[in-house]
Amino acid sequence: MEETLLEILEDINSDIDYKTETAIIDDGLLDSFDIVALVGEMNDAFDINISVVDLIPENFNSLQAMLALVDKLQNG
């Protein structure tokens, strides 16, 4: 799952070190268009539905936060 998510993120913006970055959203490293693309790709790749309530910076500030969100949505 981590490798798939990293591939998605690299396709969106390859200038970010996703393995170490912990403030991707707070530091403005991804813009709103990037987030829309990311959510769509994550929904498709992991067969999940990221809803509006999940669209908070805490869920997207780091690779680990995004993995936790996918895990939560897949496993209820």
N, C-alpha and C. Protein backbone atom coordinates (compact mmCIF):
# COMPACT_ATOMS: atom_id res chain seq x y z
N MET A 1 0.83 -1.19 0.00
CA MET A 1 0.00 0.00 0.00
C MET A 1 0.88 1.26 0.00
N GLU A 2 1.96 1.25 0.79
CA GLU A 2 2.83 2.43 0.87
C GLU A 2 3.46 2.75 -0.48
N GLU A 3 3.93 1.72 -1.18
CA GLU A 3 4.56 1.95 -2.48
C GLU A 3 3.56 2.52 -3.49
N THR A 4 2.34 2.02 -3.48
CA THR A 4 1.31 2.53 -4.38
C THR A 4 1.03 3.99 -4.09
N LEU A 5 0.90 4.33 -2.82
CA LEU A 5 0.63 5.72 -2.44
C LEU A 5 1.81 6.61 -2.82
N LEU A 6 3.02 6.13 -2.61
CA LEU A 6 4.20 6.92 -3.00
C LEU A 6 4.22 7.18 -4.50
N GLU A 7 3.85 6.18 -5.29
CA GLU A 7 3.79 6.36 -6.75
C GLU A 7 2.78 7.43 -7.12
N ILE A 8 1.62 7.40 -6.48
CA ILE A 8 0.58 8.40 -6.74
C ILE A 8 1.11 9.79 -6.40
N LEU A 9 1.71 9.92 -5.23
CA LEU A 9 2.23 11.21 -4.78
C LEU A 9 3.34 11.72 -5.69
N GLU A 10 4.23 10.83 -6.10
CA GLU A 10 5.33 11.22 -7.00
C GLU A 10 4.79 11.71 -8.34
N ASP A 11 3.72 11.09 -8.83
CA ASP A 11 3.11 11.54 -10.08
C ASP A 11 2.52 12.94 -9.95
N ILE A 12 2.03 13.26 -8.77
CA ILE A 12 1.41 14.57 -8.55
C ILE A 12 2.48 15.65 -8.36
N ASN A 13 3.49 15.36 -7.55
CA ASN A 13 4.59 16.32 -7.34
C ASN A 13 5.82 15.55 -6.88
N SER A 14 6.79 15.43 -7.76
CA SER A 14 7.98 14.63 -7.45
C SER A 14 9.05 15.42 -6.70
N ASP A 15 8.79 16.69 -6.39
CA ASP A 15 9.77 17.52 -5.69
C ASP A 15 9.71 17.41 -4.17
N ILE A 16 8.77 16.63 -3.66
CA ILE A 16 8.57 16.52 -2.22
C ILE A 16 9.13 15.18 -1.73
N ASP A 17 9.83 15.22 -0.59
CA ASP A 17 10.30 13.99 0.05
C ASP A 17 9.19 13.48 0.97
N TYR A 18 8.32 12.67 0.41
CA TYR A 18 7.14 12.22 1.14
C TYR A 18 7.47 11.33 2.33
N LYS A 19 8.64 10.68 2.30
CA LYS A 19 9.00 9.79 3.40
C LYS A 19 9.36 10.55 4.67
N THR A 20 9.75 11.81 4.55
CA THR A 20 10.16 12.57 5.73
C THR A 20 9.29 13.79 6.01
N GLU A 21 8.56 14.27 5.04
CA GLU A 21 7.76 15.49 5.19
C GLU A 21 6.57 15.24 6.11
N THR A 22 6.35 16.16 7.04
CA THR A 22 5.25 16.01 8.00
C THR A 22 4.27 17.18 7.97
N ALA A 23 4.44 18.10 7.02
CA ALA A 23 3.54 19.25 6.93
C ALA A 23 3.23 19.56 5.46
N ILE A 24 2.87 18.53 4.71
CA ILE A 24 2.64 18.67 3.28
C ILE A 24 1.56 19.71 2.99
N ILE A 25 0.49 19.67 3.73
CA ILE A 25 -0.61 20.62 3.52
C ILE A 25 -0.33 21.93 4.24
N ASP A 26 0.07 21.84 5.50
CA ASP A 26 0.32 23.05 6.29
C ASP A 26 1.37 23.95 5.65
N ASP A 27 2.37 23.36 4.99
CA ASP A 27 3.42 24.15 4.34
C ASP A 27 3.08 24.52 2.89
N GLY A 28 1.88 24.12 2.43
CA GLY A 28 1.44 24.47 1.08
C GLY A 28 2.20 23.77 -0.03
N LEU A 29 2.73 22.58 0.25
CA LEU A 29 3.50 21.86 -0.75
C LEU A 29 2.62 21.28 -1.85
N LEU A 30 1.37 21.00 -1.52
CA LEU A 30 0.38 20.57 -2.51
C LEU A 30 -0.73 21.61 -2.54
N ASP A 31 -1.15 21.99 -3.75
CA ASP A 31 -2.24 22.96 -3.85
C ASP A 31 -3.58 22.23 -3.96
N SER A 32 -4.64 23.00 -4.07
CA SER A 32 -5.98 22.40 -4.07
C SER A 32 -6.20 21.46 -5.24
N PHE A 33 -5.62 21.79 -6.39
CA PHE A 33 -5.75 20.91 -7.56
C PHE A 33 -5.03 19.59 -7.32
N ASP A 34 -3.87 19.67 -6.66
CA ASP A 34 -3.12 18.46 -6.31
C ASP A 34 -3.93 17.58 -5.37
N ILE A 35 -4.59 18.20 -4.42
CA ILE A 35 -5.39 17.44 -3.45
C ILE A 35 -6.56 16.74 -4.13
N VAL A 36 -7.22 17.45 -5.04
CA VAL A 36 -8.33 16.83 -5.79
C VAL A 36 -7.82 15.62 -6.56
N ALA A 37 -6.70 15.76 -7.23
CA ALA A 37 -6.12 14.65 -7.98
C ALA A 37 -5.73 13.51 -7.04
N LEU A 38 -5.11 13.86 -5.92
CA LEU A 38 -4.68 12.86 -4.94
C LEU A 38 -5.85 12.06 -4.41
N VAL A 39 -6.92 12.75 -4.02
CA VAL A 39 -8.10 12.07 -3.48
C VAL A 39 -8.69 11.12 -4.52
N GLY A 40 -8.81 11.58 -5.75
CA GLY A 40 -9.34 10.72 -6.81
C GLY A 40 -8.49 9.48 -7.04
N GLU A 41 -7.18 9.68 -7.08
CA GLU A 41 -6.26 8.55 -7.28
C GLU A 41 -6.31 7.58 -6.10
N MET A 42 -6.35 8.13 -4.89
CA MET A 42 -6.42 7.26 -3.70
C MET A 42 -7.72 6.47 -3.68
N ASN A 43 -8.84 7.13 -4.01
CA ASN A 43 -10.12 6.43 -4.06
C ASN A 43 -10.07 5.26 -5.02
N ASP A 44 -9.51 5.49 -6.20
CA ASP A 44 -9.43 4.44 -7.22
C ASP A 44 -8.46 3.34 -6.83
N ALA A 45 -7.27 3.72 -6.39
CA ALA A 45 -6.22 2.74 -6.12
C ALA A 45 -6.55 1.83 -4.94
N PHE A 46 -7.21 2.39 -3.92
CA PHE A 46 -7.44 1.62 -2.70
C PHE A 46 -8.91 1.25 -2.49
N ASP A 47 -9.76 1.51 -3.49
CA ASP A 47 -11.18 1.19 -3.43
C ASP A 47 -11.82 1.74 -2.16
N ILE A 48 -11.60 3.04 -1.95
CA ILE A 48 -12.16 3.74 -0.79
C ILE A 48 -12.94 4.95 -1.27
N ASN A 49 -13.63 5.61 -0.35
CA ASN A 49 -14.34 6.84 -0.66
C ASN A 49 -13.97 7.88 0.38
N ILE A 50 -13.05 8.76 0.03
CA ILE A 50 -12.65 9.83 0.94
C ILE A 50 -13.73 10.90 0.87
N SER A 51 -14.41 11.11 1.98
CA SER A 51 -15.52 12.07 2.01
C SER A 51 -15.03 13.45 2.42
N VAL A 52 -15.92 14.41 2.35
CA VAL A 52 -15.60 15.79 2.71
C VAL A 52 -15.11 15.88 4.15
N VAL A 53 -15.70 15.09 5.05
CA VAL A 53 -15.28 15.16 6.46
C VAL A 53 -13.84 14.68 6.66
N ASP A 54 -13.34 13.89 5.71
CA ASP A 54 -11.96 13.40 5.79
C ASP A 54 -10.95 14.38 5.21
N LEU A 55 -11.44 15.42 4.54
CA LEU A 55 -10.56 16.37 3.87
C LEU A 55 -10.05 17.44 4.84
N ILE A 56 -9.26 16.98 5.80
CA ILE A 56 -8.65 17.89 6.76
C ILE A 56 -7.13 17.73 6.67
N PRO A 57 -6.40 18.79 6.94
CA PRO A 57 -4.93 18.73 6.79
C PRO A 57 -4.28 17.58 7.54
N GLU A 58 -4.79 17.26 8.72
CA GLU A 58 -4.19 16.18 9.52
C GLU A 58 -4.15 14.86 8.77
N ASN A 59 -5.09 14.63 7.86
CA ASN A 59 -5.13 13.37 7.11
C ASN A 59 -4.18 13.36 5.91
N PHE A 60 -3.62 14.52 5.55
CA PHE A 60 -2.81 14.61 4.34
C PHE A 60 -1.45 15.27 4.55
N ASN A 61 -1.08 15.57 5.79
CA ASN A 61 0.18 16.25 6.06
C ASN A 61 1.41 15.37 5.91
N SER A 62 1.21 14.05 5.98
CA SER A 62 2.35 13.14 5.86
C SER A 62 1.92 11.84 5.19
N LEU A 63 2.90 11.12 4.72
CA LEU A 63 2.65 9.81 4.12
C LEU A 63 1.97 8.90 5.14
N GLN A 64 2.48 8.91 6.37
CA GLN A 64 1.91 8.06 7.41
C GLN A 64 0.46 8.41 7.71
N ALA A 65 0.13 9.70 7.70
CA ALA A 65 -1.25 10.12 7.94
C ALA A 65 -2.17 9.63 6.82
N MET A 66 -1.68 9.71 5.58
CA MET A 66 -2.48 9.24 4.44
C MET A 66 -2.67 7.73 4.50
N LEU A 67 -1.63 7.01 4.88
CA LEU A 67 -1.74 5.54 5.02
C LEU A 67 -2.73 5.19 6.11
N ALA A 68 -2.70 5.94 7.20
CA ALA A 68 -3.66 5.70 8.29
C ALA A 68 -5.09 5.96 7.84
N LEU A 69 -5.28 6.99 7.03
CA LEU A 69 -6.61 7.29 6.51
C LEU A 69 -7.10 6.15 5.61
N VAL A 70 -6.25 5.67 4.74
CA VAL A 70 -6.63 4.55 3.85
C VAL A 70 -6.99 3.33 4.69
N ASP A 71 -6.16 3.03 5.69
CA ASP A 71 -6.41 1.89 6.55
C ASP A 71 -7.75 2.03 7.27
N LYS A 72 -8.02 3.22 7.80
CA LYS A 72 -9.28 3.48 8.50
C LYS A 72 -10.47 3.29 7.56
N LEU A 73 -10.37 3.80 6.34
CA LEU A 73 -11.50 3.71 5.41
C LEU A 73 -11.68 2.30 4.87
N GLN A 74 -10.61 1.55 4.75
CA GLN A 74 -10.72 0.17 4.27
C GLN A 74 -11.23 -0.77 5.34
N ASN A 75 -10.87 -0.49 6.58
CA ASN A 75 -11.17 -1.44 7.65
C ASN A 75 -12.21 -0.96 8.65
N GLY A 76 -12.80 0.19 8.33
CA GLY A 76 -13.88 0.70 9.15
C GLY A 76 -13.45 1.13 10.52
